[in-house]
Amino acid sequence: MQELELCQGTLRDILRDFREKNENPSEAFKEAIAIQILDALNSLHLQGFIHRNIKPSSFLVQANNNKDSNFPYCLKLRVIGLSAPWNLS
């Protein structure tokens, strides 16, 4: 049985909201996004997979309960059908 989590949209939606409001995210906000993206990709690579379609809509957004965070969301990388095993040898 597969389990799905309730998410508020994608990273693409968040970035579009900034663009529509003619606002720029803070450097801390962008850094928090970058860290979560790199952590997700690192985790996938450590399991022996690569993601074949990295883009903002590949990251689902979930509310983050950590009020001290510069990025009030938790990113979840969509991997179903978009990843493949890899081998360095």
PDB file of N, CA and C in Angstrom:
ATOM      1  N   MET A   1       0.842  -1.185   0.000  1.00  0.00           N
ATOM      2  CA  MET A   1       0.000   0.000   0.000  1.00  0.00           C
ATOM      3  C   MET A   1       0.884   1.244   0.000  1.00  0.00           C
ATOM      4  N   GLN A   2       0.603   2.157  -0.909  1.00  0.00           N
ATOM      5  CA  GLN A   2       1.352   3.393  -0.978  1.00  0.00           C
ATOM      6  C   GLN A   2       0.696   4.462  -0.123  1.00  0.00           C
ATOM      7  N   GLU A   3       1.524   5.283   0.471  1.00  0.00           N
ATOM      8  CA  GLU A   3       1.033   6.360   1.315  1.00  0.00           C
ATOM      9  C   GLU A   3       1.373   7.692   0.668  1.00  0.00           C
ATOM     10  N   LEU A   4       0.434   8.606   0.626  1.00  0.00           N
ATOM     11  CA  LEU A   4       0.674   9.934   0.087  1.00  0.00           C
ATOM     12  C   LEU A   4       0.587  10.964   1.199  1.00  0.00           C
ATOM     13  N   GLU A   5       1.449  11.956   1.142  1.00  0.00           N
ATOM     14  CA  GLU A   5       1.432  13.020   2.136  1.00  0.00           C
ATOM     15  C   GLU A   5       0.680  14.226   1.579  1.00  0.00           C
ATOM     16  N   LEU A   6       0.048  14.961   2.454  1.00  0.00           N
ATOM     17  CA  LEU A   6      -0.641  16.177   2.059  1.00  0.00           C
ATOM     18  C   LEU A   6       0.395  17.279   1.872  1.00  0.00           C
ATOM     19  N   CYS A   7       0.440  17.841   0.682  1.00  0.00           N
ATOM     20  CA  CYS A   7       1.394  18.901   0.380  1.00  0.00           C
ATOM     21  C   CYS A   7       0.648  20.137  -0.098  1.00  0.00           C
ATOM     22  N   GLN A   8       1.295  21.283   0.042  1.00  0.00           N
ATOM     23  CA  GLN A   8       0.673  22.559  -0.313  1.00  0.00           C
ATOM     24  C   GLN A   8       0.972  22.999  -1.740  1.00  0.00           C
ATOM     25  N   GLY A   9       1.607  22.185  -2.528  1.00  0.00           N
ATOM     26  CA  GLY A   9       1.951  22.549  -3.898  1.00  0.00           C
ATOM     27  C   GLY A   9       3.382  22.158  -4.195  1.00  0.00           C
ATOM     28  N   THR A  10       4.012  22.923  -5.083  1.00  0.00           N
ATOM     29  CA  THR A  10       5.386  22.639  -5.470  1.00  0.00           C
ATOM     30  C   THR A  10       6.263  23.876  -5.261  1.00  0.00           C
ATOM     31  N   LEU A  11       7.557  23.670  -5.360  1.00  0.00           N
ATOM     32  CA  LEU A  11       8.490  24.788  -5.274  1.00  0.00           C
ATOM     33  C   LEU A  11       8.220  25.770  -6.413  1.00  0.00           C
ATOM     34  N   ARG A  12       7.803  25.256  -7.539  1.00  0.00           N
ATOM     35  CA  ARG A  12       7.457  26.124  -8.672  1.00  0.00           C
ATOM     36  C   ARG A  12       6.351  27.108  -8.278  1.00  0.00           C
ATOM     37  N   ASP A  13       5.351  26.628  -7.536  1.00  0.00           N
ATOM     38  CA  ASP A  13       4.254  27.499  -7.093  1.00  0.00           C
ATOM     39  C   ASP A  13       4.766  28.631  -6.206  1.00  0.00           C
ATOM     40  N   ILE A  14       5.680  28.298  -5.308  1.00  0.00           N
ATOM     41  CA  ILE A  14       6.222  29.312  -4.396  1.00  0.00           C
ATOM     42  C   ILE A  14       7.011  30.357  -5.171  1.00  0.00           C
ATOM     43  N   LEU A  15       7.851  29.896  -6.092  1.00  0.00           N
ATOM     44  CA  LEU A  15       8.646  30.834  -6.883  1.00  0.00           C
ATOM     45  C   LEU A  15       7.755  31.697  -7.776  1.00  0.00           C
ATOM     46  N   ARG A  16       6.683  31.118  -8.304  1.00  0.00           N
ATOM     47  CA  ARG A  16       5.731  31.877  -9.122  1.00  0.00           C
ATOM     48  C   ARG A  16       5.045  32.964  -8.286  1.00  0.00           C
ATOM     49  N   ASP A  17       4.711  32.638  -7.021  1.00  0.00           N
ATOM     50  CA  ASP A  17       4.093  33.632  -6.137  1.00  0.00           C
ATOM     51  C   ASP A  17       5.005  34.837  -5.946  1.00  0.00           C
ATOM     52  N   PHE A  18       6.302  34.587  -5.763  1.00  0.00           N
ATOM     53  CA  PHE A  18       7.256  35.696  -5.638  1.00  0.00           C
ATOM     54  C   PHE A  18       7.254  36.535  -6.911  1.00  0.00           C
ATOM     55  N   ARG A  19       7.288  35.873  -8.054  1.00  0.00           N
ATOM     56  CA  ARG A  19       7.337  36.587  -9.332  1.00  0.00           C
ATOM     57  C   ARG A  19       6.073  37.411  -9.555  1.00  0.00           C
ATOM     58  N   GLU A  20       4.914  36.841  -9.238  1.00  0.00           N
ATOM     59  CA  GLU A  20       3.654  37.557  -9.434  1.00  0.00           C
ATOM     60  C   GLU A  20       3.534  38.773  -8.526  1.00  0.00           C
ATOM     61  N   LYS A  21       4.141  38.695  -7.331  1.00  0.00           N
ATOM     62  CA  LYS A  21       4.110  39.827  -6.399  1.00  0.00           C
ATOM     63  C   LYS A  21       5.254  40.799  -6.653  1.00  0.00           C
ATOM     64  N   ASN A  22       6.076  40.508  -7.663  1.00  0.00           N
ATOM     65  CA  ASN A  22       7.244  41.327  -7.966  1.00  0.00           C
ATOM     66  C   ASN A  22       8.179  41.438  -6.767  1.00  0.00           C
ATOM     67  N   GLU A  23       8.333  40.352  -6.043  1.00  0.00           N
ATOM     68  CA  GLU A  23       9.207  40.304  -4.872  1.00  0.00           C
ATOM     69  C   GLU A  23      10.367  39.356  -5.130  1.00  0.00           C
ATOM     70  N   ASN A  24      11.432  39.559  -4.396  1.00  0.00           N
ATOM     71  CA  ASN A  24      12.572  38.651  -4.447  1.00  0.00           C
ATOM     72  C   ASN A  24      12.721  37.964  -3.098  1.00  0.00           C
ATOM     73  N   PRO A  25      12.930  36.645  -3.098  1.00  0.00           N
ATOM     74  CA  PRO A  25      13.157  35.967  -1.818  1.00  0.00           C
ATOM     75  C   PRO A  25      14.485  36.420  -1.224  1.00  0.00           C
ATOM     76  N   SER A  26      14.561  36.397   0.087  1.00  0.00           N
ATOM     77  CA  SER A  26      15.799  36.810   0.763  1.00  0.00           C
ATOM     78  C   SER A  26      16.910  35.798   0.481  1.00  0.00           C
ATOM     79  N   GLU A  27      18.141  36.211   0.733  1.00  0.00           N
ATOM     80  CA  GLU A  27      19.276  35.302   0.558  1.00  0.00           C
ATOM     81  C   GLU A  27      19.144  34.102   1.503  1.00  0.00           C
ATOM     82  N   ALA A  28      18.676  34.337   2.709  1.00  0.00           N
ATOM     83  CA  ALA A  28      18.499  33.238   3.673  1.00  0.00           C
ATOM     84  C   ALA A  28      17.450  32.247   3.179  1.00  0.00           C
ATOM     85  N   PHE A  29      16.394  32.762   2.571  1.00  0.00           N
ATOM     86  CA  PHE A  29      15.338  31.926   2.009  1.00  0.00           C
ATOM     87  C   PHE A  29      15.904  31.054   0.890  1.00  0.00           C
ATOM     88  N   LYS A  30      16.668  31.673  -0.023  1.00  0.00           N
ATOM     89  CA  LYS A  30      17.261  30.938  -1.143  1.00  0.00           C
ATOM     90  C   LYS A  30      18.274  29.907  -0.641  1.00  0.00           C
ATOM     91  N   GLU A  31      19.029  30.260   0.375  1.00  0.00           N
ATOM     92  CA  GLU A  31      20.004  29.322   0.944  1.00  0.00           C
ATOM     93  C   GLU A  31      19.302  28.110   1.559  1.00  0.00           C
ATOM     94  N   ALA A  32      18.199  28.356   2.258  1.00  0.00           N
ATOM     95  CA  ALA A  32      17.445  27.254   2.866  1.00  0.00           C
ATOM     96  C   ALA A  32      16.877  26.315   1.800  1.00  0.00           C
ATOM     97  N   ILE A  33      16.419  26.884   0.683  1.00  0.00           N
ATOM     98  CA  ILE A  33      15.924  26.064  -0.429  1.00  0.00           C
ATOM     99  C   ILE A  33      17.065  25.222  -1.000  1.00  0.00           C
ATOM    100  N   ALA A  34      18.200  25.864  -1.255  1.00  0.00           N
ATOM    101  CA  ALA A  34      19.346  25.164  -1.843  1.00  0.00           C
ATOM    102  C   ALA A  34      19.805  24.011  -0.952  1.00  0.00           C
ATOM    103  N   ILE A  35      19.852  24.239   0.344  1.00  0.00           N
ATOM    104  CA  ILE A  35      20.278  23.191   1.272  1.00  0.00           C
ATOM    105  C   ILE A  35      19.327  22.004   1.216  1.00  0.00           C
ATOM    106  N   GLN A  36      18.034  22.255   1.202  1.00  0.00           N
ATOM    107  CA  GLN A  36      17.068  21.155   1.151  1.00  0.00           C
ATOM    108  C   GLN A  36      17.151  20.404  -0.176  1.00  0.00           C
ATOM    109  N   ILE A  37      17.344  21.113  -1.269  1.00  0.00           N
ATOM    110  CA  ILE A  37      17.472  20.453  -2.573  1.00  0.00           C
ATOM    111  C   ILE A  37      18.710  19.567  -2.594  1.00  0.00           C
ATOM    112  N   LEU A  38      19.835  20.109  -2.131  1.00  0.00           N
ATOM    113  CA  LEU A  38      21.074  19.328  -2.130  1.00  0.00           C
ATOM    114  C   LEU A  38      20.993  18.137  -1.180  1.00  0.00           C
ATOM    115  N   ASP A  39      20.357  18.306  -0.039  1.00  0.00           N
ATOM    116  CA  ASP A  39      20.167  17.181   0.892  1.00  0.00           C
ATOM    117  C   ASP A  39      19.333  16.072   0.250  1.00  0.00           C
ATOM    118  N   ALA A  40      18.268  16.452  -0.456  1.00  0.00           N
ATOM    119  CA  ALA A  40      17.401  15.462  -1.097  1.00  0.00           C
ATOM    120  C   ALA A  40      18.161  14.704  -2.189  1.00  0.00           C
ATOM    121  N   LEU A  41      18.925  15.429  -2.999  1.00  0.00           N
ATOM    122  CA  LEU A  41      19.679  14.778  -4.067  1.00  0.00           C
ATOM    123  C   LEU A  41      20.790  13.893  -3.500  1.00  0.00           C
ATOM    124  N   ASN A  42      21.441  14.357  -2.451  1.00  0.00           N
ATOM    125  CA  ASN A  42      22.481  13.558  -1.810  1.00  0.00           C
ATOM    126  C   ASN A  42      21.904  12.255  -1.267  1.00  0.00           C
ATOM    127  N   SER A  43      20.751  12.332  -0.635  1.00  0.00           N
ATOM    128  CA  SER A  43      20.101  11.142  -0.095  1.00  0.00           C
ATOM    129  C   SER A  43      19.771  10.148  -1.209  1.00  0.00           C
ATOM    130  N   LEU A  44      19.264  10.667  -2.308  1.00  0.00           N
ATOM    131  CA  LEU A  44      18.931   9.813  -3.445  1.00  0.00           C
ATOM    132  C   LEU A  44      20.190   9.156  -4.010  1.00  0.00           C
ATOM    133  N   HIS A  45      21.269   9.938  -4.153  1.00  0.00           N
ATOM    134  CA  HIS A  45      22.516   9.416  -4.697  1.00  0.00           C
ATOM    135  C   HIS A  45      23.137   8.375  -3.767  1.00  0.00           C
ATOM    136  N   LEU A  46      23.051   8.589  -2.472  1.00  0.00           N
ATOM    137  CA  LEU A  46      23.593   7.616  -1.520  1.00  0.00           C
ATOM    138  C   LEU A  46      22.864   6.274  -1.600  1.00  0.00           C
ATOM    139  N   GLN A  47      21.637   6.293  -2.069  1.00  0.00           N
ATOM    140  CA  GLN A  47      20.872   5.056  -2.240  1.00  0.00           C
ATOM    141  C   GLN A  47      21.110   4.427  -3.612  1.00  0.00           C
ATOM    142  N   GLY A  48      21.981   5.058  -4.421  1.00  0.00           N
ATOM    143  CA  GLY A  48      22.329   4.501  -5.724  1.00  0.00           C
ATOM    144  C   GLY A  48      21.425   4.914  -6.860  1.00  0.00           C
ATOM    145  N   PHE A  49      20.746   6.048  -6.716  1.00  0.00           N
ATOM    146  CA  PHE A  49      19.839   6.525  -7.770  1.00  0.00           C
ATOM    147  C   PHE A  49      20.221   7.928  -8.210  1.00  0.00           C
ATOM    148  N   ILE A  50      19.835   8.252  -9.433  1.00  0.00           N
ATOM    149  CA  ILE A  50      19.935   9.628  -9.922  1.00  0.00           C
ATOM    150  C   ILE A  50      18.533  10.067 -10.329  1.00  0.00           C
ATOM    151  N   HIS A  51      18.283  11.350 -10.235  1.00  0.00           N
ATOM    152  CA  HIS A  51      16.996  11.911 -10.637  1.00  0.00           C
ATOM    153  C   HIS A  51      17.182  12.451 -12.045  1.00  0.00           C
ATOM    154  N   ARG A  52      16.274  12.114 -12.932  1.00  0.00           N
ATOM    155  CA  ARG A  52      16.451  12.472 -14.336  1.00  0.00           C
ATOM    156  C   ARG A  52      15.666  13.704 -14.762  1.00  0.00           C
ATOM    157  N   ASN A  53      15.049  14.404 -13.828  1.00  0.00           N
ATOM    158  CA  ASN A  53      14.216  15.538 -14.229  1.00  0.00           C
ATOM    159  C   ASN A  53      14.133  16.573 -13.102  1.00  0.00           C
ATOM    160  N   ILE A  54      15.270  17.133 -12.723  1.00  0.00           N
ATOM    161  CA  ILE A  54      15.295  18.119 -11.640  1.00  0.00           C
ATOM    162  C   ILE A  54      14.767  19.455 -12.151  1.00  0.00           C
ATOM    163  N   LYS A  55      13.726  19.933 -11.494  1.00  0.00           N
ATOM    164  CA  LYS A  55      13.134  21.238 -11.800  1.00  0.00           C
ATOM    165  C   LYS A  55      12.271  21.624 -10.601  1.00  0.00           C
ATOM    166  N   PRO A  56      11.881  22.889 -10.464  1.00  0.00           N
ATOM    167  CA  PRO A  56      11.095  23.306  -9.302  1.00  0.00           C
ATOM    168  C   PRO A  56       9.813  22.503  -9.077  1.00  0.00           C
ATOM    169  N   SER A  57       9.172  22.055 -10.142  1.00  0.00           N
ATOM    170  CA  SER A  57       7.934  21.294  -9.953  1.00  0.00           C
ATOM    171  C   SER A  57       8.189  19.858  -9.500  1.00  0.00           C
ATOM    172  N   SER A  58       9.463  19.441  -9.444  1.00  0.00           N
ATOM    173  CA  SER A  58       9.809  18.113  -8.931  1.00  0.00           C
ATOM    174  C   SER A  58       9.852  18.081  -7.406  1.00  0.00           C
ATOM    175  N   PHE A  59       9.745  19.250  -6.778  1.00  0.00           N
ATOM    176  CA  PHE A  59       9.807  19.333  -5.324  1.00  0.00           C
ATOM    177  C   PHE A  59       8.440  19.714  -4.763  1.00  0.00           C
ATOM    178  N   LEU A  60       7.863  18.807  -3.998  1.00  0.00           N
ATOM    179  CA  LEU A  60       6.603  19.087  -3.320  1.00  0.00           C
ATOM    180  C   LEU A  60       6.881  19.898  -2.069  1.00  0.00           C
ATOM    181  N   VAL A  61       5.953  20.747  -1.692  1.00  0.00           N
ATOM    182  CA  VAL A  61       6.117  21.634  -0.547  1.00  0.00           C
ATOM    183  C   VAL A  61       5.154  21.233   0.559  1.00  0.00           C
ATOM    184  N   GLN A  62       5.698  21.102   1.752  1.00  0.00           N
ATOM    185  CA  GLN A  62       4.904  20.764   2.930  1.00  0.00           C
ATOM    186  C   GLN A  62       5.218  21.798   4.017  1.00  0.00           C
ATOM    187  N   ALA A  63       4.215  22.170   4.781  1.00  0.00           N
ATOM    188  CA  ALA A  63       4.434  23.154   5.856  1.00  0.00           C
ATOM    189  C   ALA A  63       5.488  22.628   6.826  1.00  0.00           C
ATOM    190  N   ASN A  64       6.359  23.524   7.274  1.00  0.00           N
ATOM    191  CA  ASN A  64       7.422  23.187   8.216  1.00  0.00           C
ATOM    192  C   ASN A  64       7.042  23.767   9.571  1.00  0.00           C
ATOM    193  N   ASN A  65       7.035  22.952  10.586  1.00  0.00           N
ATOM    194  CA  ASN A  65       6.664  23.422  11.927  1.00  0.00           C
ATOM    195  C   ASN A  65       7.794  24.136  12.649  1.00  0.00           C
ATOM    196  N   ASN A  66       8.970  24.187  12.026  1.00  0.00           N
ATOM    197  CA  ASN A  66      10.110  24.858  12.634  1.00  0.00           C
ATOM    198  C   ASN A  66       9.995  26.365  12.400  1.00  0.00           C
ATOM    199  N   LYS A  67       9.542  27.082  13.391  1.00  0.00           N
ATOM    200  CA  LYS A  67       9.292  28.528  13.251  1.00  0.00           C
ATOM    201  C   LYS A  67      10.583  29.335  13.133  1.00  0.00           C
ATOM    202  N   ASP A  68      11.728  28.745  13.513  1.00  0.00           N
ATOM    203  CA  ASP A  68      12.997  29.461  13.432  1.00  0.00           C
ATOM    204  C   ASP A  68      13.617  29.396  12.045  1.00  0.00           C
ATOM    205  N   SER A  69      13.017  28.627  11.168  1.00  0.00           N
ATOM    206  CA  SER A  69      13.570  28.411   9.836  1.00  0.00           C
ATOM    207  C   SER A  69      13.380  29.639   8.953  1.00  0.00           C
ATOM    208  N   ASN A  70      14.341  29.867   8.047  1.00  0.00           N
ATOM    209  CA  ASN A  70      14.217  30.934   7.052  1.00  0.00           C
ATOM    210  C   ASN A  70      13.296  30.531   5.914  1.00  0.00           C
ATOM    211  N   PHE A  71      13.010  29.256   5.839  1.00  0.00           N
ATOM    212  CA  PHE A  71      12.151  28.718   4.787  1.00  0.00           C
ATOM    213  C   PHE A  71      11.043  27.940   5.482  1.00  0.00           C
ATOM    214  N   PRO A  72       9.833  28.473   5.524  1.00  0.00           N
ATOM    215  CA  PRO A  72       8.762  27.863   6.329  1.00  0.00           C
ATOM    216  C   PRO A  72       8.146  26.614   5.700  1.00  0.00           C
ATOM    217  N   TYR A  73       8.892  25.950   4.834  1.00  0.00           N
ATOM    218  CA  TYR A  73       8.389  24.756   4.166  1.00  0.00           C
ATOM    219  C   TYR A  73       9.415  23.636   4.234  1.00  0.00           C
ATOM    220  N   CYS A  74       8.940  22.448   4.017  1.00  0.00           N
ATOM    221  CA  CYS A  74       9.787  21.271   3.906  1.00  0.00           C
ATOM    222  C   CYS A  74       9.629  20.759   2.482  1.00  0.00           C
ATOM    223  N   LEU A  75      10.737  20.615   1.761  1.00  0.00           N
ATOM    224  CA  LEU A  75      10.668  20.128   0.385  1.00  0.00           C
ATOM    225  C   LEU A  75      10.736  18.608   0.357  1.00  0.00           C
ATOM    226  N   LYS A  76       9.935  18.012  -0.504  1.00  0.00           N
ATOM    227  CA  LYS A  76       9.926  16.565  -0.719  1.00  0.00           C
ATOM    228  C   LYS A  76      10.182  16.329  -2.203  1.00  0.00           C
ATOM    229  N   LEU A  77      11.225  15.576  -2.508  1.00  0.00           N
ATOM    230  CA  LEU A  77      11.578  15.314  -3.899  1.00  0.00           C
ATOM    231  C   LEU A  77      10.703  14.210  -4.473  1.00  0.00           C
ATOM    232  N   ARG A  78      10.051  14.509  -5.593  1.00  0.00           N
ATOM    233  CA  ARG A  78       9.256  13.499  -6.296  1.00  0.00           C
ATOM    234  C   ARG A  78      10.210  12.592  -7.059  1.00  0.00           C
ATOM    235  N   VAL A  79      10.146  11.296  -6.802  1.00  0.00           N
ATOM    236  CA  VAL A  79      11.068  10.390  -7.489  1.00  0.00           C
ATOM    237  C   VAL A  79      10.358   9.278  -8.251  1.00  0.00           C
ATOM    238  N   ILE A  80       9.066   9.123  -8.085  1.00  0.00           N
ATOM    239  CA  ILE A  80       8.347   8.029  -8.733  1.00  0.00           C
ATOM    240  C   ILE A  80       8.452   8.166 -10.255  1.00  0.00           C
ATOM    241  N   GLY A  81       9.109   7.203 -10.867  1.00  0.00           N
ATOM    242  CA  GLY A  81       9.261   7.194 -12.319  1.00  0.00           C
ATOM    243  C   GLY A  81      10.268   8.173 -12.870  1.00  0.00           C
ATOM    244  N   LEU A  82      10.893   8.958 -12.001  1.00  0.00           N
ATOM    245  CA  LEU A  82      11.840   9.976 -12.475  1.00  0.00           C
ATOM    246  C   LEU A  82      13.266   9.694 -12.053  1.00  0.00           C
ATOM    247  N   SER A  83      13.512   8.538 -11.458  1.00  0.00           N
ATOM    248  CA  SER A  83      14.861   8.211 -11.026  1.00  0.00           C
ATOM    249  C   SER A  83      15.278   6.882 -11.635  1.00  0.00           C
ATOM    250  N   ALA A  84      16.582   6.694 -11.694  1.00  0.00           N
ATOM    251  CA  ALA A  84      17.112   5.458 -12.265  1.00  0.00           C
ATOM    252  C   ALA A  84      18.331   5.037 -11.467  1.00  0.00           C
ATOM    253  N   PRO A  85      18.562   3.730 -11.334  1.00  0.00           N
ATOM    254  CA  PRO A  85      19.766   3.271 -10.650  1.00  0.00           C
ATOM    255  C   PRO A  85      20.996   3.701 -11.444  1.00  0.00           C
ATOM    256  N   TRP A  86      22.078   3.923 -10.749  1.00  0.00           N
ATOM    257  CA  TRP A  86      23.313   4.302 -11.438  1.00  0.00           C
ATOM    258  C   TRP A  86      24.482   3.565 -10.826  1.00  0.00           C
ATOM    259  N   ASN A  87      25.539   3.464 -11.609  1.00  0.00           N
ATOM    260  CA  ASN A  87      26.715   2.737 -11.187  1.00  0.00           C
ATOM    261  C   ASN A  87      27.932   3.495 -11.705  1.00  0.00           C
ATOM    262  N   LEU A  88      28.877   3.781 -10.825  1.00  0.00           N
ATOM    263  CA  LEU A  88      30.065   4.535 -11.225  1.00  0.00           C
ATOM    264  C   LEU A  88      31.095   3.669 -11.939  1.00  0.00           C
ATOM    265  N   SER A  89      31.000   2.361 -11.848  1.00  0.00           N
ATOM    266  CA  SER A  89      32.037   1.513 -12.453  1.00  0.00           C
ATOM    267  C   SER A  89      31.794   1.262 -13.919  1.00  0.00           C
TER     268      SER A  89
END
